[in-house]
Amino acid sequence: MTSTLRAAARSLRRAIPAAAIATAAALPLLLPTPAQATTPEVELYVWATGVNVRACPEVSAACPAIAGAQIGKRWVTAFCQRQGTQVVDGPYRNNWWVQVNAGGPVGWISAVYVRGGDNDQPVPGLSTGSDCK
């Protein structure tokens, strides 16, 4: 091996670790960062008319309907659901409540009035976590 070839091999051996370190340092900057946890919004259909929107997931004097906030027979944006006071309307009953925005204040409606799901069951596809707005 000639001295020029040996010198080139030494330079290459020094350059490879330096390049590897530089690549490893830059890699986190090149990869996408994980998105912040957000509340997934779901579009749900309210099948009844005159559905009261409430400040919390219950029917009580401590949680009155939001003044002027009634919805019905339309699609609403839903954020999450929680258990609360049971609501019964004819053959339908449910203690799950859905947090919605129907173009007014964000509030809660009984899952009884949302298309999909069964009696005393959460609405399928909607978060039941603590990620409500």
C-alpha atoms as a PDB file:
ATOM      1  CA  MET A   1       0.000   0.000   0.000  1.00  0.00           C
ATOM      2  CA  THR A   2       1.406   3.384  -0.931  1.00  0.00           C
ATOM      3  CA  SER A   3       1.754   6.186   1.538  1.00  0.00           C
ATOM      4  CA  THR A   4      -0.917   8.190  -0.294  1.00  0.00           C
ATOM      5  CA  LEU A   5      -3.337   5.302  -0.068  1.00  0.00           C
ATOM      6  CA  ARG A   6      -2.571   4.839   3.654  1.00  0.00           C
ATOM      7  CA  ALA A   7      -3.150   8.541   4.317  1.00  0.00           C
ATOM      8  CA  ALA A   8      -6.491   8.395   2.487  1.00  0.00           C
ATOM      9  CA  ALA A   9      -7.557   5.329   4.493  1.00  0.00           C
ATOM     10  CA  ARG A  10      -6.657   7.112   7.787  1.00  0.00           C
ATOM     11  CA  SER A  11      -8.657  10.178   6.751  1.00  0.00           C
ATOM     12  CA  LEU A  12     -11.615   8.014   5.850  1.00  0.00           C
ATOM     13  CA  ARG A  13     -11.471   6.169   9.208  1.00  0.00           C
ATOM     14  CA  ARG A  14     -11.556   9.525  11.018  1.00  0.00           C
ATOM     15  CA  ALA A  15     -14.320  10.945   8.810  1.00  0.00           C
ATOM     16  CA  ILE A  16     -16.766   8.035   9.157  1.00  0.00           C
ATOM     17  CA  PRO A  17     -17.247   8.341  12.969  1.00  0.00           C
ATOM     18  CA  ALA A  18     -17.563  12.133  12.675  1.00  0.00           C
ATOM     19  CA  ALA A  19     -20.207  11.755   9.955  1.00  0.00           C
ATOM     20  CA  ALA A  20     -22.079   9.181  12.021  1.00  0.00           C
ATOM     21  CA  ILE A  21     -22.133  11.509  15.034  1.00  0.00           C
ATOM     22  CA  ALA A  22     -23.314  14.435  12.915  1.00  0.00           C
ATOM     23  CA  THR A  23     -26.067  12.301  11.372  1.00  0.00           C
ATOM     24  CA  ALA A  24     -27.197  11.021  14.776  1.00  0.00           C
ATOM     25  CA  ALA A  25     -27.309  14.566  16.126  1.00  0.00           C
ATOM     26  CA  ALA A  26     -29.337  15.837  13.162  1.00  0.00           C
ATOM     27  CA  LEU A  27     -31.757  12.903  12.995  1.00  0.00           C
ATOM     28  CA  PRO A  28     -34.201  14.202  15.643  1.00  0.00           C
ATOM     29  CA  LEU A  29     -34.449  17.453  13.696  1.00  0.00           C
ATOM     30  CA  LEU A  30     -35.346  15.605  10.505  1.00  0.00           C
ATOM     31  CA  LEU A  31     -38.004  13.295  11.927  1.00  0.00           C
ATOM     32  CA  PRO A  32     -41.549  14.536  12.468  1.00  0.00           C
ATOM     33  CA  THR A  33     -42.344  15.371  16.059  1.00  0.00           C
ATOM     34  CA  PRO A  34     -45.267  13.649  17.748  1.00  0.00           C
ATOM     35  CA  ALA A  35     -48.427  15.731  17.605  1.00  0.00           C
ATOM     36  CA  GLN A  36     -49.775  17.196  20.796  1.00  0.00           C
ATOM     37  CA  ALA A  37     -52.616  15.178  22.239  1.00  0.00           C
ATOM     38  CA  THR A  38     -55.809  16.729  20.990  1.00  0.00           C
ATOM     39  CA  THR A  39     -59.405  15.919  21.447  1.00  0.00           C
ATOM     40  CA  PRO A  40     -60.590  14.148  18.316  1.00  0.00           C
ATOM     41  CA  GLU A  41     -63.773  15.724  17.016  1.00  0.00           C
ATOM     42  CA  VAL A  42     -66.537  13.493  15.683  1.00  0.00           C
ATOM     43  CA  GLU A  43     -69.623  14.547  13.741  1.00  0.00           C
ATOM     44  CA  LEU A  44     -72.794  13.019  15.240  1.00  0.00           C
ATOM     45  CA  TYR A  45     -76.440  13.335  14.270  1.00  0.00           C
ATOM     46  CA  VAL A  46     -79.045  14.471  16.824  1.00  0.00           C
ATOM     47  CA  TRP A  47     -82.301  12.776  15.816  1.00  0.00           C
ATOM     48  CA  ALA A  48     -84.732  14.561  18.175  1.00  0.00           C
ATOM     49  CA  THR A  49     -85.937  18.165  18.310  1.00  0.00           C
ATOM     50  CA  GLY A  50     -85.718  20.556  21.252  1.00  0.00           C
ATOM     51  CA  VAL A  51     -82.758  18.800  22.888  1.00  0.00           C
ATOM     52  CA  ASN A  52     -81.443  20.892  25.782  1.00  0.00           C
ATOM     53  CA  VAL A  53     -77.738  21.677  25.893  1.00  0.00           C
ATOM     54  CA  ARG A  54     -76.527  21.667  29.499  1.00  0.00           C
ATOM     55  CA  ALA A  55     -73.465  22.992  31.291  1.00  0.00           C
ATOM     56  CA  CYS A  56     -72.662  19.550  32.736  1.00  0.00           C
ATOM     57  CA  PRO A  57     -73.646  15.914  32.070  1.00  0.00           C
ATOM     58  CA  GLU A  58     -76.684  15.764  34.328  1.00  0.00           C
ATOM     59  CA  VAL A  59     -80.264  16.878  34.795  1.00  0.00           C
ATOM     60  CA  SER A  60     -80.478  18.817  38.042  1.00  0.00           C
ATOM     61  CA  ALA A  61     -81.084  22.269  39.457  1.00  0.00           C
ATOM     62  CA  ALA A  62     -77.308  22.567  39.831  1.00  0.00           C
ATOM     63  CA  CYS A  63     -76.925  21.984  36.083  1.00  0.00           C
ATOM     64  CA  PRO A  64     -79.645  23.847  34.237  1.00  0.00           C
ATOM     65  CA  ALA A  65     -80.040  23.915  30.482  1.00  0.00           C
ATOM     66  CA  ILE A  66     -77.997  26.677  28.846  1.00  0.00           C
ATOM     67  CA  ALA A  67     -80.437  29.493  28.044  1.00  0.00           C
ATOM     68  CA  GLY A  68     -81.406  29.499  24.385  1.00  0.00           C
ATOM     69  CA  ALA A  69     -79.318  26.433  23.596  1.00  0.00           C
ATOM     70  CA  GLN A  70     -81.551  23.763  22.125  1.00  0.00           C
ATOM     71  CA  ILE A  71     -80.669  21.636  19.136  1.00  0.00           C
ATOM     72  CA  GLY A  72     -82.385  19.082  17.022  1.00  0.00           C
ATOM     73  CA  LYS A  73     -82.308  17.068  13.833  1.00  0.00           C
ATOM     74  CA  ARG A  74     -78.869  18.197  12.752  1.00  0.00           C
ATOM     75  CA  TRP A  75     -75.209  17.227  12.752  1.00  0.00           C
ATOM     76  CA  VAL A  76     -73.132  18.461  15.684  1.00  0.00           C
ATOM     77  CA  THR A  77     -69.439  18.385  16.516  1.00  0.00           C
ATOM     78  CA  ALA A  78     -68.825  16.069  19.472  1.00  0.00           C
ATOM     79  CA  PHE A  79     -65.648  16.066  21.559  1.00  0.00           C
ATOM     80  CA  CYS A  80     -66.065  13.324  24.168  1.00  0.00           C
ATOM     81  CA  GLN A  81     -68.561  11.576  26.425  1.00  0.00           C
ATOM     82  CA  ARG A  82     -68.970  10.894  30.135  1.00  0.00           C
ATOM     83  CA  GLN A  83     -71.428   9.150  32.374  1.00  0.00           C
ATOM     84  CA  GLY A  84     -73.958  11.260  34.244  1.00  0.00           C
ATOM     85  CA  THR A  85     -77.660  11.331  35.080  1.00  0.00           C
ATOM     86  CA  GLN A  86     -79.761   8.736  33.270  1.00  0.00           C
ATOM     87  CA  VAL A  87     -82.250  10.136  30.753  1.00  0.00           C
ATOM     88  CA  VAL A  88     -85.274   8.127  29.613  1.00  0.00           C
ATOM     89  CA  ASP A  89     -87.315   9.058  26.531  1.00  0.00           C
ATOM     90  CA  GLY A  90     -89.828   6.396  25.475  1.00  0.00           C
ATOM     91  CA  PRO A  91     -87.961   3.142  24.846  1.00  0.00           C
ATOM     92  CA  TYR A  92     -84.587   4.899  24.969  1.00  0.00           C
ATOM     93  CA  ARG A  93     -82.490   5.311  28.100  1.00  0.00           C
ATOM     94  CA  ASN A  94     -78.874   6.251  28.657  1.00  0.00           C
ATOM     95  CA  ASN A  95     -76.610   7.638  31.360  1.00  0.00           C
ATOM     96  CA  TRP A  96     -73.941   8.687  28.836  1.00  0.00           C
ATOM     97  CA  TRP A  97     -73.677  12.360  27.900  1.00  0.00           C
ATOM     98  CA  VAL A  98     -71.948  13.826  24.866  1.00  0.00           C
ATOM     99  CA  GLN A  99     -70.042  17.117  24.884  1.00  0.00           C
ATOM    100  CA  VAL A 100     -71.014  19.009  21.719  1.00  0.00           C
ATOM    101  CA  ASN A 101     -70.763  22.258  19.840  1.00  0.00           C
ATOM    102  CA  ALA A 102     -73.776  22.899  17.660  1.00  0.00           C
ATOM    103  CA  GLY A 103     -72.781  26.387  16.615  1.00  0.00           C
ATOM    104  CA  GLY A 104     -73.384  27.904  20.029  1.00  0.00           C
ATOM    105  CA  PRO A 105     -71.848  27.295  23.425  1.00  0.00           C
ATOM    106  CA  VAL A 106     -70.067  24.007  24.071  1.00  0.00           C
ATOM    107  CA  GLY A 107     -72.255  21.909  26.335  1.00  0.00           C
ATOM    108  CA  TRP A 108     -73.660  18.461  27.056  1.00  0.00           C
ATOM    109  CA  ILE A 109     -76.578  16.524  25.576  1.00  0.00           C
ATOM    110  CA  SER A 110     -77.862  13.116  26.546  1.00  0.00           C
ATOM    111  CA  ALA A 111     -76.638  10.276  24.341  1.00  0.00           C
ATOM    112  CA  VAL A 112     -80.304   9.212  24.125  1.00  0.00           C
ATOM    113  CA  TYR A 113     -80.712  11.819  21.379  1.00  0.00           C
ATOM    114  CA  VAL A 114     -77.634  10.876  19.334  1.00  0.00           C
ATOM    115  CA  ARG A 115     -77.925   8.448  16.417  1.00  0.00           C
ATOM    116  CA  GLY A 116     -75.976   5.234  17.005  1.00  0.00           C
ATOM    117  CA  GLY A 117     -75.294   3.204  20.093  1.00  0.00           C
ATOM    118  CA  ASP A 118     -77.562   1.264  22.402  1.00  0.00           C
ATOM    119  CA  ASN A 119     -79.386   1.833  25.657  1.00  0.00           C
ATOM    120  CA  ASP A 120     -76.985   2.510  28.535  1.00  0.00           C
ATOM    121  CA  GLN A 121     -73.955   2.307  26.228  1.00  0.00           C
ATOM    122  CA  PRO A 122     -71.454   4.962  25.129  1.00  0.00           C
ATOM    123  CA  VAL A 123     -71.690   6.329  21.590  1.00  0.00           C
ATOM    124  CA  PRO A 124     -69.388   4.227  19.366  1.00  0.00           C
ATOM    125  CA  GLY A 125     -66.307   6.004  18.030  1.00  0.00           C
ATOM    126  CA  LEU A 126     -66.378   8.851  20.551  1.00  0.00           C
ATOM    127  CA  SER A 127     -63.729   9.236  23.247  1.00  0.00           C
ATOM    128  CA  THR A 128     -64.674   8.320  26.803  1.00  0.00           C
ATOM    129  CA  GLY A 129     -61.427   9.738  28.165  1.00  0.00           C
ATOM    130  CA  SER A 130     -60.719  12.847  30.147  1.00  0.00           C
ATOM    131  CA  ASP A 131     -60.042  14.892  27.023  1.00  0.00           C
ATOM    132  CA  CYS A 132     -63.199  16.988  27.042  1.00  0.00           C
ATOM    133  CA  LYS A 133     -62.931  20.682  26.300  1.00  0.00           C
END
